[in-house]
Amino acid sequence: MNNLTWLDVNKIAIELYVAFPDIDPQWISFPDLHKKICGLEGFIGDSNKSNEQILEAIQMLWIEEYE
């Protein structure tokens, strides 16, 4: 697996879908989403470099994968 950073929103969404198939991303809070992203294998992004726009983009892509 390649290393992931906050700019890899599509790849992160796919990894979340694979890692957490039973979670409906529509209902996940941003703090919980942030924690799950930072815990993904291969994630090397700085945990302090995320923001609401990035988390929202990842969440929307994850919802697309989930549906």
N, C-alpha and C. Protein backbone atom coordinates (compact mmCIF):
# COMPACT_ATOMS: atom_id res chain seq x y z
N MET A 1 0.84 -1.19 0.00
CA MET A 1 0.00 0.00 0.00
C MET A 1 0.88 1.24 0.00
N ASN A 2 0.46 2.21 -0.77
CA ASN A 2 1.19 3.47 -0.80
C ASN A 2 0.87 4.30 0.43
N ASN A 3 1.77 5.20 0.74
CA ASN A 3 1.52 6.10 1.86
C ASN A 3 0.45 7.10 1.46
N LEU A 4 -0.45 7.38 2.40
CA LEU A 4 -1.56 8.30 2.16
C LEU A 4 -1.34 9.60 2.93
N THR A 5 -1.72 10.70 2.30
CA THR A 5 -1.73 12.00 2.97
C THR A 5 -3.12 12.60 2.81
N TRP A 6 -3.35 13.75 3.38
CA TRP A 6 -4.67 14.39 3.32
C TRP A 6 -5.09 14.72 1.89
N LEU A 7 -4.15 14.78 0.96
CA LEU A 7 -4.49 15.10 -0.42
C LEU A 7 -5.05 13.90 -1.17
N ASP A 8 -4.92 12.72 -0.61
CA ASP A 8 -5.38 11.49 -1.26
C ASP A 8 -6.82 11.16 -0.89
N VAL A 9 -7.72 12.12 -1.09
CA VAL A 9 -9.09 11.96 -0.60
C VAL A 9 -9.79 10.75 -1.22
N ASN A 10 -9.60 10.51 -2.51
CA ASN A 10 -10.25 9.35 -3.15
C ASN A 10 -9.74 8.04 -2.58
N LYS A 11 -8.43 7.93 -2.46
CA LYS A 11 -7.84 6.70 -1.94
C LYS A 11 -8.24 6.48 -0.48
N ILE A 12 -8.28 7.56 0.30
CA ILE A 12 -8.68 7.45 1.71
C ILE A 12 -10.11 6.95 1.80
N ALA A 13 -11.01 7.49 0.97
CA ALA A 13 -12.41 7.06 1.00
C ALA A 13 -12.53 5.57 0.70
N ILE A 14 -11.77 5.09 -0.27
CA ILE A 14 -11.80 3.67 -0.61
C ILE A 14 -11.25 2.83 0.54
N GLU A 15 -10.16 3.28 1.12
CA GLU A 15 -9.57 2.55 2.25
C GLU A 15 -10.53 2.49 3.43
N LEU A 16 -11.24 3.57 3.70
CA LEU A 16 -12.23 3.59 4.78
C LEU A 16 -13.36 2.60 4.48
N TYR A 17 -13.80 2.58 3.25
CA TYR A 17 -14.87 1.66 2.84
C TYR A 17 -14.45 0.20 3.06
N VAL A 18 -13.20 -0.09 2.72
CA VAL A 18 -12.67 -1.45 2.88
C VAL A 18 -12.47 -1.79 4.37
N ALA A 19 -11.94 -0.83 5.11
CA ALA A 19 -11.60 -1.07 6.52
C ALA A 19 -12.82 -1.10 7.43
N PHE A 20 -13.86 -0.36 7.08
CA PHE A 20 -15.03 -0.23 7.95
C PHE A 20 -16.32 -0.47 7.15
N PRO A 21 -16.51 -1.69 6.64
CA PRO A 21 -17.67 -1.95 5.77
C PRO A 21 -19.03 -1.82 6.47
N ASP A 22 -19.04 -1.93 7.78
CA ASP A 22 -20.32 -1.88 8.51
C ASP A 22 -20.69 -0.47 8.97
N ILE A 23 -19.84 0.51 8.70
CA ILE A 23 -20.12 1.88 9.14
C ILE A 23 -20.77 2.64 7.99
N ASP A 24 -21.94 3.25 8.28
CA ASP A 24 -22.58 4.12 7.31
C ASP A 24 -21.93 5.50 7.46
N PRO A 25 -21.14 5.92 6.48
CA PRO A 25 -20.39 7.17 6.61
C PRO A 25 -21.25 8.42 6.68
N GLN A 26 -22.52 8.27 6.33
CA GLN A 26 -23.41 9.43 6.40
C GLN A 26 -23.56 9.92 7.84
N TRP A 27 -23.40 9.03 8.80
CA TRP A 27 -23.65 9.38 10.20
C TRP A 27 -22.39 9.52 11.05
N ILE A 28 -21.23 9.49 10.44
CA ILE A 28 -19.99 9.58 11.21
C ILE A 28 -19.67 11.04 11.54
N SER A 29 -19.21 11.27 12.74
CA SER A 29 -18.82 12.64 13.13
C SER A 29 -17.43 12.94 12.59
N PHE A 30 -17.12 14.21 12.41
CA PHE A 30 -15.80 14.57 11.91
C PHE A 30 -14.68 14.13 12.86
N PRO A 31 -14.85 14.26 14.19
CA PRO A 31 -13.78 13.77 15.07
C PRO A 31 -13.54 12.26 14.91
N ASP A 32 -14.62 11.50 14.77
CA ASP A 32 -14.48 10.05 14.59
C ASP A 32 -13.86 9.73 13.23
N LEU A 33 -14.29 10.46 12.20
CA LEU A 33 -13.73 10.28 10.87
C LEU A 33 -12.23 10.58 10.87
N HIS A 34 -11.84 11.67 11.51
CA HIS A 34 -10.43 12.06 11.62
C HIS A 34 -9.63 10.95 12.27
N LYS A 35 -10.16 10.40 13.35
CA LYS A 35 -9.47 9.34 14.09
C LYS A 35 -9.30 8.09 13.22
N LYS A 36 -10.34 7.74 12.47
CA LYS A 36 -10.26 6.56 11.61
C LYS A 36 -9.25 6.76 10.48
N ILE A 37 -9.23 7.95 9.90
CA ILE A 37 -8.27 8.24 8.83
C ILE A 37 -6.85 8.15 9.35
N CYS A 38 -6.60 8.79 10.48
CA CYS A 38 -5.25 8.78 11.04
C CYS A 38 -4.79 7.37 11.42
N GLY A 39 -5.75 6.48 11.68
CA GLY A 39 -5.43 5.11 12.05
C GLY A 39 -5.29 4.15 10.87
N LEU A 40 -5.56 4.63 9.67
CA LEU A 40 -5.44 3.76 8.49
C LEU A 40 -3.99 3.34 8.28
N GLU A 41 -3.82 2.08 7.88
CA GLU A 41 -2.49 1.59 7.56
C GLU A 41 -1.96 2.38 6.36
N GLY A 42 -0.77 2.90 6.50
CA GLY A 42 -0.15 3.65 5.41
C GLY A 42 -0.44 5.14 5.44
N PHE A 43 -1.27 5.59 6.40
CA PHE A 43 -1.53 7.03 6.47
C PHE A 43 -0.37 7.73 7.15
N ILE A 44 0.24 8.68 6.44
CA ILE A 44 1.40 9.39 6.99
C ILE A 44 1.16 10.89 7.11
N GLY A 45 -0.09 11.31 6.87
CA GLY A 45 -0.40 12.73 6.96
C GLY A 45 -0.28 13.25 8.39
N ASP A 46 0.00 14.51 8.50
CA ASP A 46 0.08 15.18 9.80
C ASP A 46 -1.33 15.34 10.34
N SER A 47 -1.60 14.79 11.52
CA SER A 47 -2.96 14.83 12.07
C SER A 47 -3.46 16.25 12.30
N ASN A 48 -2.56 17.21 12.37
CA ASN A 48 -2.95 18.60 12.58
C ASN A 48 -3.20 19.35 11.27
N LYS A 49 -3.03 18.70 10.14
CA LYS A 49 -3.14 19.37 8.85
C LYS A 49 -4.50 19.18 8.17
N SER A 50 -5.42 18.51 8.82
CA SER A 50 -6.74 18.34 8.22
C SER A 50 -7.61 19.55 8.53
N ASN A 51 -8.70 19.66 7.80
CA ASN A 51 -9.68 20.70 8.10
C ASN A 51 -11.06 20.19 7.71
N GLU A 52 -12.07 20.98 7.99
CA GLU A 52 -13.44 20.54 7.75
C GLU A 52 -13.70 20.26 6.28
N GLN A 53 -13.11 21.04 5.39
CA GLN A 53 -13.31 20.82 3.95
C GLN A 53 -12.76 19.48 3.50
N ILE A 54 -11.58 19.15 3.98
CA ILE A 54 -10.97 17.87 3.61
C ILE A 54 -11.79 16.71 4.16
N LEU A 55 -12.18 16.81 5.42
CA LEU A 55 -12.97 15.73 6.03
C LEU A 55 -14.32 15.58 5.33
N GLU A 56 -14.93 16.69 4.97
CA GLU A 56 -16.21 16.62 4.27
C GLU A 56 -16.05 15.98 2.89
N ALA A 57 -14.99 16.32 2.18
CA ALA A 57 -14.74 15.72 0.87
C ALA A 57 -14.55 14.21 0.99
N ILE A 58 -13.78 13.78 1.98
CA ILE A 58 -13.55 12.35 2.20
C ILE A 58 -14.86 11.66 2.57
N GLN A 59 -15.63 12.29 3.44
CA GLN A 59 -16.91 11.70 3.85
C GLN A 59 -17.85 11.54 2.65
N MET A 60 -17.93 12.54 1.79
CA MET A 60 -18.81 12.46 0.62
C MET A 60 -18.37 11.34 -0.33
N LEU A 61 -17.07 11.20 -0.53
CA LEU A 61 -16.57 10.13 -1.39
C LEU A 61 -16.81 8.75 -0.77
N TRP A 62 -16.67 8.67 0.54
CA TRP A 62 -16.92 7.41 1.24
C TRP A 62 -18.40 7.04 1.10
N ILE A 63 -19.28 8.03 1.21
CA ILE A 63 -20.72 7.76 1.05
C ILE A 63 -20.99 7.22 -0.36
N GLU A 64 -20.33 7.77 -1.36
CA GLU A 64 -20.49 7.26 -2.73
C GLU A 64 -20.05 5.80 -2.83
N GLU A 65 -18.94 5.47 -2.19
CA GLU A 65 -18.46 4.08 -2.19
C GLU A 65 -19.45 3.18 -1.46
N TYR A 66 -19.99 3.66 -0.37
CA TYR A 66 -20.88 2.88 0.49
C TYR A 66 -22.20 2.55 -0.22
N GLU A 67 -22.69 3.50 -1.01
CA GLU A 67 -23.97 3.30 -1.69
C GLU A 67 -23.73 2.43 -2.85
